[in-house]
């Protein structure tokens, strides 16, 4: 029986070096790229749960067992699916760390919106591949001059990524989740405003001020403002 360590090793092999199929025997019919493209199309159309080795094989017009020559199993396929869906981060020319990290988070959110199922994979224990590590590298580059420890920098990236991913989950039913919620709650709050006066007032204020569906930007700004305050505190302490 394969151990979890075997699965990790197989995932690493797939992520970093496409397995070389032996020279003897028939020429390889498929590539990892073709298999991942088929799995991605299934996930986009029917959701992540619809992705099985059987469905992927059917889409490629082959038998399920033929795929195991390229991909040991679903765990390894998921690892490559996630890494390819993320791709590499876009180039950044922002010298200001706050602008650079804002752009980083918005780009990650945009990439995840294109494949919402990637959020589920990202939040499972997994081996980061070259694409995901490139995101780490770009984000850490933006913080290279900040008085933060390595753990703090990684924690900030985790918070920003988690915030972006949570917004993708909220947008599963559409790009305007707060507006949709307000529409659903409208009749209830109108009839029971005395029972929920603060909630009614908050939704009314958001509609009047145009503040609906701004949580993505608001969260990024507040997280980075908190880090800026920490940096200012440390800088003033060093001067003192």
Protein backbone atom coordinates (compact mmCIF):
# COMPACT_ATOMS: atom_id res chain seq x y z
CA UNK A 1 0.00 0.00 0.00
CA UNK A 2 1.35 3.43 -0.93
CA UNK A 3 2.19 5.74 1.97
CA UNK A 4 1.46 9.49 2.16
CA UNK A 5 5.18 10.04 1.62
CA UNK A 6 4.93 8.15 -1.67
CA UNK A 7 2.13 10.48 -2.77
CA UNK A 8 4.20 13.54 -1.90
CA UNK A 9 7.17 12.20 -3.83
CA UNK A 10 5.00 11.46 -6.87
CA UNK A 11 3.46 14.93 -6.74
CA UNK A 12 6.90 16.54 -6.60
CA UNK A 13 8.01 14.48 -9.58
CA UNK A 14 5.02 15.54 -11.63
CA UNK A 15 5.26 19.19 -10.62
CA UNK A 16 8.94 19.65 -11.28
CA UNK A 17 9.81 17.11 -13.97
CA UNK A 18 7.32 15.58 -16.35
CA UNK A 19 7.98 11.85 -16.06
CA UNK A 20 10.01 10.41 -18.87
CA UNK A 21 8.16 7.53 -20.46
CA UNK A 22 10.48 4.71 -21.37
CA UNK A 23 12.02 4.78 -24.80
CA UNK A 24 11.04 1.21 -25.52
CA UNK A 25 7.51 0.40 -26.60
CA UNK A 26 4.98 2.58 -28.39
CA UNK A 27 5.44 6.32 -28.58
CA UNK A 28 3.62 8.15 -25.74
CA UNK A 29 0.12 9.12 -26.84
CA UNK A 30 -0.51 11.81 -24.22
CA UNK A 31 1.34 14.48 -22.27
CA UNK A 32 0.78 15.86 -18.79
CA UNK A 33 -0.36 19.10 -20.43
CA UNK A 34 -3.08 17.29 -22.37
CA UNK A 35 -4.27 15.41 -19.29
CA UNK A 36 -4.33 18.55 -17.17
CA UNK A 37 -6.17 20.45 -19.91
CA UNK A 38 -8.86 17.76 -20.00
CA UNK A 39 -9.19 17.75 -16.20
CA UNK A 40 -9.35 21.55 -16.15
CA UNK A 41 -12.15 21.61 -18.71
CA UNK A 42 -14.15 19.10 -16.67
CA UNK A 43 -13.65 21.10 -13.46
CA UNK A 44 -14.66 24.34 -15.19
CA UNK A 45 -17.79 22.76 -16.64
CA UNK A 46 -19.00 20.51 -13.83
CA UNK A 47 -16.96 21.30 -10.71
CA UNK A 48 -14.01 19.69 -9.01
CA UNK A 49 -15.96 16.66 -7.77
CA UNK A 50 -16.64 15.71 -11.38
CA UNK A 51 -12.92 15.28 -12.07
CA UNK A 52 -12.11 11.59 -11.94
CA UNK A 53 -9.51 9.56 -13.75
CA UNK A 54 -12.39 7.87 -15.57
CA UNK A 55 -13.90 11.18 -16.76
CA UNK A 56 -10.50 12.47 -17.86
CA UNK A 57 -9.82 9.26 -19.76
CA UNK A 58 -13.20 9.45 -21.50
CA UNK A 59 -12.54 13.02 -22.54
CA UNK A 60 -9.21 11.97 -24.03
CA UNK A 61 -10.74 8.96 -25.72
CA UNK A 62 -8.73 6.35 -23.88
CA UNK A 63 -9.01 3.83 -21.05
CA UNK A 64 -8.54 4.95 -17.46
CA UNK A 65 -5.62 2.58 -16.91
CA UNK A 66 -3.73 4.26 -19.77
CA UNK A 67 -3.52 7.49 -17.76
CA UNK A 68 -1.67 5.87 -14.89
CA UNK A 69 1.34 5.69 -17.14
CA UNK A 70 1.50 9.48 -16.84
CA UNK A 71 -0.26 10.33 -13.55
CA UNK A 72 -0.13 7.93 -10.58
CA UNK A 73 -3.51 9.03 -9.21
CA UNK A 74 -5.95 11.78 -8.33
CA UNK A 75 -3.76 13.31 -5.60
CA UNK A 76 -0.94 13.91 -8.04
CA UNK A 77 -3.36 15.18 -10.68
CA UNK A 78 -4.78 17.69 -8.18
CA UNK A 79 -1.29 19.00 -7.43
CA UNK A 80 -0.61 19.74 -11.09
CA UNK A 81 -4.14 21.08 -11.64
CA UNK A 82 -3.64 23.66 -8.91
CA UNK A 83 -0.21 24.73 -10.06
CA UNK A 84 -1.23 25.08 -13.71
CA UNK A 85 -4.42 26.99 -12.80
CA UNK A 86 -2.42 29.51 -10.78
CA UNK A 87 0.33 29.84 -13.36
CA UNK A 88 3.03 32.36 -12.58
CA UNK A 89 2.41 35.83 -11.13
CA UNK A 90 2.27 38.81 -13.47
CA UNK A 91 5.30 41.07 -13.68
CA UNK A 92 5.28 43.97 -11.23
CA UNK A 93 6.92 47.36 -11.53
CA UNK A 94 5.57 48.78 -8.27
CA UNK A 95 8.38 50.08 -6.07
CA UNK A 96 6.02 50.75 -3.16
CA UNK A 97 5.50 47.60 -1.11
CA UNK A 98 1.84 48.31 -0.42
CA UNK A 99 1.05 48.87 -4.10
CA UNK A 100 3.02 45.75 -5.04
CA UNK A 101 1.23 43.54 -2.51
CA UNK A 102 -2.15 44.98 -3.49
CA UNK A 103 -1.46 44.13 -7.13
CA UNK A 104 -0.23 40.68 -6.05
CA UNK A 105 -3.44 39.94 -4.16
CA UNK A 106 -5.74 41.25 -6.87
CA UNK A 107 -3.91 39.20 -9.50
CA UNK A 108 -4.21 36.06 -7.36
CA UNK A 109 -7.92 36.75 -6.89
CA UNK A 110 -8.39 37.21 -10.63
CA UNK A 111 -6.57 33.96 -11.38
CA UNK A 112 -8.73 32.08 -8.86
CA UNK A 113 -11.97 33.61 -10.19
CA UNK A 114 -11.16 32.04 -13.56
CA UNK A 115 -11.04 28.60 -11.89
CA UNK A 116 -12.94 28.83 -8.57
CA UNK A 117 -12.32 25.15 -7.82
CA UNK A 118 -8.63 25.99 -7.43
CA UNK A 119 -9.48 27.59 -4.07
CA UNK A 120 -10.54 24.18 -2.73
CA UNK A 121 -7.26 22.64 -3.88
CA UNK A 122 -5.20 25.54 -2.51
CA UNK A 123 -6.74 25.16 0.94
CA UNK A 124 -5.95 21.45 1.15
CA UNK A 125 -2.54 20.23 2.33
CA UNK A 126 -0.41 20.02 -0.79
CA UNK A 127 3.08 20.37 -2.22
CA UNK A 128 3.57 23.82 -3.80
CA UNK A 129 4.72 23.59 -7.38
CA UNK A 130 6.82 25.97 -9.47
CA UNK A 131 3.88 28.25 -10.26
CA UNK A 132 2.82 28.62 -6.64
CA UNK A 133 6.41 29.13 -5.48
CA UNK A 134 6.76 31.89 -8.09
CA UNK A 135 3.87 33.66 -6.34
CA UNK A 136 5.71 33.29 -3.04
CA UNK A 137 8.86 34.72 -4.60
CA UNK A 138 7.07 37.74 -6.08
CA UNK A 139 5.26 38.51 -2.85
CA UNK A 140 8.40 38.17 -0.74
CA UNK A 141 10.29 40.36 -3.19
CA UNK A 142 7.81 43.17 -2.47
CA UNK A 143 8.67 42.89 1.25
CA UNK A 144 12.42 42.59 0.85
CA UNK A 145 13.15 45.97 2.49
CA UNK A 146 10.63 45.68 5.32
CA UNK A 147 11.67 45.08 8.95
CA UNK A 148 9.76 41.80 9.12
CA UNK A 149 10.96 38.31 9.92
CA UNK A 150 10.66 35.45 7.47
CA UNK A 151 7.72 33.97 9.37
CA UNK A 152 5.91 37.30 9.44
CA UNK A 153 6.35 37.75 5.69
CA UNK A 154 4.97 34.29 5.01
CA UNK A 155 2.09 34.96 7.40
CA UNK A 156 1.22 38.16 5.55
CA UNK A 157 1.15 36.33 2.22
CA UNK A 158 -1.06 33.65 3.80
CA UNK A 159 -3.48 36.31 5.10
CA UNK A 160 -3.65 38.11 1.75
CA UNK A 161 -4.08 34.86 -0.20
CA UNK A 162 -6.70 33.61 2.25
CA UNK A 163 -8.64 36.86 1.96
CA UNK A 164 -8.57 36.71 -1.85
CA UNK A 165 -9.67 33.08 -1.82
CA UNK A 166 -12.52 33.74 0.62
CA UNK A 167 -13.82 36.42 -1.74
CA UNK A 168 -13.78 33.90 -4.59
CA UNK A 169 -15.91 31.53 -2.48
CA UNK A 170 -18.39 34.33 -1.79
CA UNK A 171 -18.62 35.04 -5.52
CA UNK A 172 -19.49 31.44 -6.35
CA UNK A 173 -23.06 32.45 -7.26
CA UNK A 174 -22.12 35.68 -9.02
CA UNK A 175 -19.80 38.70 -8.96
CA UNK A 176 -21.99 40.75 -6.59
CA UNK A 177 -22.59 38.62 -3.46
CA UNK A 178 -23.46 41.52 -1.14
CA UNK A 179 -25.92 42.97 -3.61
CA UNK A 180 -27.52 39.55 -4.04
CA UNK A 181 -27.72 39.06 -0.27
CA UNK A 182 -29.29 42.49 0.13
CA UNK A 183 -31.92 41.61 -2.46
CA UNK A 184 -32.70 38.34 -0.68
CA UNK A 185 -32.89 39.97 2.74
CA UNK A 186 -34.75 43.07 1.56
CA UNK A 187 -38.31 41.84 2.26
CA UNK A 188 -37.28 40.34 5.62
CA UNK A 189 -35.48 43.46 6.84
CA UNK A 190 -38.30 45.69 5.62
CA UNK A 191 -40.83 43.67 7.62
CA UNK A 192 -38.63 43.20 10.70
CA UNK A 193 -36.47 46.31 10.82
CA UNK A 194 -37.39 46.81 14.47
CA UNK A 195 -35.94 43.39 15.32
CA UNK A 196 -32.72 43.97 13.35
CA UNK A 197 -32.23 47.76 13.35
CA UNK A 198 -28.43 47.75 13.00
CA UNK A 199 -28.45 45.20 10.19
CA UNK A 200 -31.17 47.12 8.35
CA UNK A 201 -29.25 50.37 8.77
CA UNK A 202 -25.96 48.84 7.58
CA UNK A 203 -27.49 47.43 4.41
CA UNK A 204 -29.29 50.71 3.74
CA UNK A 205 -26.08 52.72 4.25
CA UNK A 206 -24.12 50.41 1.95
CA UNK A 207 -26.72 50.82 -0.79
CA UNK A 208 -26.82 54.58 -0.42
CA UNK A 209 -23.03 55.07 -0.25
CA UNK A 210 -22.17 52.57 -2.97
CA UNK A 211 -20.10 50.48 -0.57
CA UNK A 212 -21.46 47.09 -1.57
CA UNK A 213 -19.13 44.35 -2.79
CA UNK A 214 -16.01 46.28 -1.73
CA UNK A 215 -14.79 43.68 0.76
CA UNK A 216 -11.87 42.53 -1.40
CA UNK A 217 -10.24 45.96 -1.55
CA UNK A 218 -11.28 46.89 2.00
CA UNK A 219 -9.65 43.76 3.41
CA UNK A 220 -6.41 44.27 1.50
CA UNK A 221 -6.20 47.89 2.61
CA UNK A 222 -6.83 47.07 6.28
CA UNK A 223 -4.31 44.22 6.33
CA UNK A 224 -1.59 46.36 4.78
CA UNK A 225 -2.46 49.32 7.00
CA UNK A 226 -1.95 47.07 10.00
CA UNK A 227 1.46 46.00 8.72
CA UNK A 228 2.37 49.64 8.03
CA UNK A 229 1.46 50.49 11.63
CA UNK A 230 3.65 47.63 12.88
CA UNK A 231 6.56 48.84 10.76
CA UNK A 232 6.13 52.41 12.03
CA UNK A 233 6.10 51.12 15.60
CA UNK A 234 9.29 49.15 15.10
CA UNK A 235 11.00 51.99 13.28
CA UNK A 236 10.19 54.47 16.04
CA UNK A 237 11.40 52.00 18.67
CA UNK A 238 14.71 51.60 16.84
CA UNK A 239 15.17 55.37 16.69
CA UNK A 240 14.36 55.73 20.36
